[in-house]
Amino acid sequence: MEEVRYLRKQFPEEWTTAKLADHFNVAGESIAKILRTNYQPTPERAAQQDEVRQRRRKENISADIERIRAERQAAWTARKAEREATWLKQKAERRAAQLAEKAELTSHTKDSQQRQLKETMTLDEYERIKNERHSAWLARQAERKRGNAESLIQIKLGAPTRK
């Protein structure tokens, strides 16, 4: 109200009733009533109004700060998830390339070894050696599984592990 009266008193040609009503988003009749009255709140009432105004301002600022923090946290989480997804995709691509390269090298090596074996020995000998290698591989797998089972039992019992 003080500001309305001040603007009207200092700049009457510039600040008409209609312009004041538009500026403060109130009805023109309200501005006219404010200008007609000489109401001044008591110092206690003015202090109380100021206190309420300051409390509301602090609440609004606190709410804005919390909103901004939440937005930043959400943005940071989204960026982190995007970086992790990109990193995991690149890691998977690198691993796939490594496995493909290893498979290619292994297949070339195995093919050449098998061709050499086939060329230098009979089919029966080749099948016998192939079966022996497969049996040896199966034995190694069984030994590895047995060793893992033993180490799990030792861990559960608290016994020292074998290296």
Protein backbone atom coordinates (compact mmCIF):
# COMPACT_ATOMS: atom_id res chain seq x y z
CA MET A 1 0.00 0.00 0.00
CA GLU A 2 2.82 2.36 0.80
CA GLU A 3 4.39 1.74 -2.58
CA VAL A 4 1.08 2.42 -4.38
CA ARG A 5 0.68 5.72 -2.53
CA TYR A 6 4.31 6.69 -3.11
CA LEU A 7 4.18 6.04 -6.89
CA ARG A 8 0.89 7.92 -7.27
CA LYS A 9 2.15 10.87 -5.19
CA GLN A 10 5.56 11.20 -6.88
CA PHE A 11 4.54 10.43 -10.49
CA PRO A 12 0.80 11.12 -10.85
CA GLU A 13 0.86 11.52 -14.66
CA GLU A 14 2.81 8.30 -15.21
CA TRP A 15 1.16 6.08 -12.58
CA THR A 16 -2.57 6.31 -13.20
CA THR A 17 -5.07 4.18 -11.29
CA ALA A 18 -5.40 1.77 -14.23
CA LYS A 19 -1.63 1.42 -14.62
CA LEU A 20 -1.19 0.81 -10.88
CA ALA A 21 -3.95 -1.83 -10.99
CA ASP A 22 -2.22 -3.61 -13.91
CA HIS A 23 1.21 -3.39 -12.28
CA PHE A 24 0.09 -4.83 -8.91
CA ASN A 25 -2.47 -7.25 -10.39
CA VAL A 26 -5.44 -5.92 -8.41
CA ALA A 27 -8.76 -4.33 -9.34
CA GLY A 28 -8.87 -0.61 -10.12
CA GLU A 29 -11.45 -0.10 -7.35
CA SER A 30 -9.00 -1.50 -4.80
CA ILE A 31 -6.29 0.93 -5.92
CA ALA A 32 -8.78 3.80 -5.67
CA LYS A 33 -9.71 2.78 -2.10
CA ILE A 34 -6.03 2.51 -1.13
CA LEU A 35 -5.39 6.00 -2.47
CA ARG A 36 -8.44 7.47 -0.65
CA THR A 37 -7.61 6.02 2.77
CA ASN A 38 -4.78 7.09 5.03
CA TYR A 39 -4.53 3.79 6.93
CA GLN A 40 -1.18 3.19 8.62
CA PRO A 41 -0.68 -0.07 10.55
CA THR A 42 0.54 0.19 14.13
CA PRO A 43 4.25 -0.49 14.66
CA GLU A 44 3.41 -3.84 16.29
CA ARG A 45 1.18 -4.83 13.39
CA ALA A 46 3.83 -3.71 10.86
CA ALA A 47 6.48 -5.74 12.71
CA GLN A 48 4.20 -8.78 12.76
CA GLN A 49 3.53 -8.44 9.01
CA ASP A 50 7.27 -8.10 8.32
CA GLU A 51 7.96 -11.19 10.41
CA VAL A 52 5.35 -13.21 8.49
CA ARG A 53 6.76 -11.92 5.18
CA GLN A 54 10.33 -12.92 6.16
CA ARG A 55 9.23 -16.38 7.36
CA ARG A 56 7.41 -17.02 4.08
CA ARG A 57 10.41 -15.80 2.10
CA LYS A 58 12.71 -18.19 4.03
CA GLU A 59 10.29 -21.08 3.46
CA ASN A 60 10.13 -20.30 -0.26
CA ILE A 61 13.92 -20.09 -0.48
CA SER A 62 14.32 -23.39 1.42
CA ALA A 63 11.79 -25.07 -0.87
CA ASP A 64 13.60 -23.70 -3.94
CA ILE A 65 16.95 -24.94 -2.64
CA GLU A 66 15.54 -28.43 -2.00
CA ARG A 67 13.95 -28.49 -5.46
CA ILE A 68 17.24 -27.46 -7.10
CA ARG A 69 19.14 -30.10 -5.09
CA ALA A 70 16.67 -32.79 -6.15
CA GLU A 71 16.93 -31.72 -9.81
CA ARG A 72 20.74 -31.73 -9.66
CA GLN A 73 20.77 -35.13 -7.96
CA ALA A 74 18.42 -36.55 -10.59
CA ALA A 75 20.55 -35.09 -13.40
CA TRP A 76 23.75 -36.44 -11.82
CA THR A 77 22.20 -39.88 -11.38
CA ALA A 78 21.04 -39.89 -15.01
CA ARG A 79 24.51 -38.85 -16.25
CA LYS A 80 26.14 -41.52 -14.07
CA ALA A 81 23.80 -44.22 -15.38
CA GLU A 82 24.47 -43.09 -18.95
CA ARG A 83 28.26 -43.18 -18.39
CA GLU A 84 28.04 -46.64 -16.82
CA ALA A 85 25.88 -47.93 -19.67
CA THR A 86 28.33 -46.55 -22.22
CA TRP A 87 31.28 -48.01 -20.32
CA LEU A 88 29.60 -51.43 -20.02
CA LYS A 89 28.74 -51.40 -23.73
CA GLN A 90 32.33 -50.55 -24.66
CA LYS A 91 33.62 -53.21 -22.28
CA ALA A 92 31.30 -55.82 -23.82
CA GLU A 93 32.39 -54.79 -27.33
CA ARG A 94 36.07 -55.07 -26.38
CA ARG A 95 35.48 -58.46 -24.73
CA ALA A 96 33.55 -59.71 -27.77
CA ALA A 97 36.37 -58.58 -30.06
CA GLN A 98 38.94 -60.32 -27.84
CA LEU A 99 36.92 -63.52 -27.77
CA ALA A 100 36.40 -63.42 -31.53
CA GLU A 101 40.12 -62.90 -32.08
CA LYS A 102 40.98 -65.71 -29.67
CA ALA A 103 38.44 -68.04 -31.27
CA GLU A 104 39.81 -67.25 -34.71
CA LEU A 105 43.39 -67.94 -33.61
CA THR A 106 42.35 -71.10 -31.79
CA SER A 107 40.30 -72.40 -34.71
CA HIS A 108 43.18 -71.78 -37.13
CA THR A 109 45.60 -73.55 -34.78
CA LYS A 110 43.26 -76.49 -34.16
CA ASP A 111 42.41 -76.82 -37.85
CA SER A 112 46.06 -76.87 -38.86
CA GLN A 113 46.94 -79.38 -36.10
CA GLN A 114 44.07 -81.64 -37.08
CA ARG A 115 45.02 -81.45 -40.76
CA GLN A 116 48.61 -82.35 -39.92
CA LEU A 117 47.48 -85.26 -37.75
CA LYS A 118 45.12 -86.55 -40.42
CA GLU A 119 47.78 -86.32 -43.08
CA THR A 120 50.42 -88.18 -41.07
CA MET A 121 48.38 -90.95 -39.46
CA THR A 122 45.49 -93.24 -40.11
CA LEU A 123 41.93 -92.45 -39.14
CA ASP A 124 41.97 -94.98 -36.29
CA GLU A 125 45.08 -93.43 -34.78
CA TYR A 126 43.57 -89.98 -35.14
CA GLU A 127 40.35 -91.05 -33.38
CA ARG A 128 42.35 -92.74 -30.60
CA ILE A 129 44.43 -89.61 -29.94
CA LYS A 130 41.33 -87.45 -30.09
CA ASN A 131 39.60 -89.66 -27.51
CA GLU A 132 42.70 -89.64 -25.27
CA ARG A 133 42.82 -85.84 -25.34
CA HIS A 134 39.12 -85.65 -24.59
CA SER A 135 39.49 -88.09 -21.68
CA ALA A 136 42.41 -86.07 -20.31
CA TRP A 137 40.34 -82.90 -20.57
CA LEU A 138 37.42 -84.54 -18.73
CA ALA A 139 39.82 -85.74 -16.00
CA ARG A 140 41.19 -82.20 -15.59
CA GLN A 141 37.66 -80.83 -15.31
CA ALA A 142 36.74 -83.42 -12.67
CA GLU A 143 39.94 -82.65 -10.72
CA ARG A 144 39.19 -78.93 -10.86
CA LYS A 145 35.63 -79.51 -9.58
CA ARG A 146 36.89 -81.80 -6.81
CA GLY A 147 39.50 -79.19 -5.79
CA ASN A 148 36.84 -76.48 -5.66
CA ALA A 149 34.59 -78.69 -3.52
CA GLU A 150 37.46 -79.45 -1.13
CA SER A 151 38.37 -75.79 -0.77
CA LEU A 152 34.72 -74.92 -0.07
CA ILE A 153 34.57 -77.58 2.65
CA GLN A 154 37.82 -76.28 4.14
CA ILE A 155 36.52 -72.75 4.12
CA LYS A 156 33.30 -73.80 5.87
CA LEU A 157 35.24 -75.78 8.48
CA GLY A 158 37.77 -73.01 8.98
CA ALA A 159 40.73 -75.16 7.88
CA PRO A 160 43.64 -73.54 6.04
CA THR A 161 43.34 -73.71 2.27
CA ARG A 162 45.76 -75.60 0.06
CA LYS A 163 47.70 -73.56 -2.46
